[in-house]
Amino acid sequence: MKGTAAIRMVLTACLIAGCLIAGCQGQDRQSVSLLSSRPPEPAGADEEGYTIRLTVFTGPHHVADSSRCKRATGELTGWKGLFVVHEQASSTLYVGHYATTGAARKDMEVIRRWTTPADLRPFQLAVIVRRAVENVGPPEWDLTSAVGDYTVVVGTFCNEPKQGIRNRKQYAVANCRDLRAKGYDAYYHHGPAQSLVTIGAFPQSSFKTVEVRPDEVTTNLNDERIKQIFKQFPYLAVNGYQEIVTATNPQTGKPEKRITCTYVTAIPRRQSVPSPSPTDRPGHTQPR
């Protein structure tokens, strides 16, 4: 009895500390729980999938605090699949692995309502987040390490479990490797939902701004190397295939089918906290 009471006291203290930290940070809590009564999703259902973030620990003792809280949470709740991700300035407690957000939603609601022996709800701000997977590929091929301002995007990969595509990062790196074997200066970039394959690293001078009227300017491509890449790779490879989309013809106003073209984008810089665009494309599309 004394041992059980001690565990409960430690757990309560850890969870309260986690909640206080979460409140000070003002962040939304994301979590995915693998409860003991619910079997896990099939292994490999998705390369990344989703998980539930329970709480975040900061401060000089965040590694030890998060590890104690994980151990105590498992003792008291019986939840399976608890894990901690340690970073330089913080440690985050997660639980579970789900192929879709829908599969995680029911468990998340249970976690939000869970109370400690002291009648507290430490995980009431838990939310579903995409499960982080370690980046793959040689670091020198990572686009963020390229020296330049622009690059040409020739391929994109994303997970499509229904189509049997679950390892988009590995596919992108393999494509990058094939291009390099053929002599191209290829790079990969892993975003939260897409992996890009690009060729080249070009300077700001690749584009020239020309004044066509006193109140109007246009940007022209000024680099023969980029033009050559466009000739060799006119169409974007989406999971290895050409993508056909329906778009409105500006001259006729009628819809027509088009093949998505390759495009130029700004090279993203390595940041301590990634901030990808909503479309998961680093930077903005440049005119061709």
Foldseek 3Di string as FASTA:
>chain_A
DVVVVVLLVLLVVLLVLQLVVCVVVVDFAAAFFQAPVHDADDPLLALWAKGKWQGKDFDPCQVVSQVSNQVSCCVPRVTPAWDWDDDDGMIIIYHGGHRYQVVRVVVLVVLLCDAGPVRDRSRVRMHMDTGDDDQDADPCQALQNDPAWKWKWAEKEFADSVVPRRCQRVVQRVVQVVVVVVPFSWHWYDFPTMITITTDHYYPVQWDWADPDPPDIDIDGRDVVVVVVCVVRFAHQYNHHWDWDWDADPVPRDIDIDTHTMFMATRDHDDPDDDADPVRDHGDTDDD
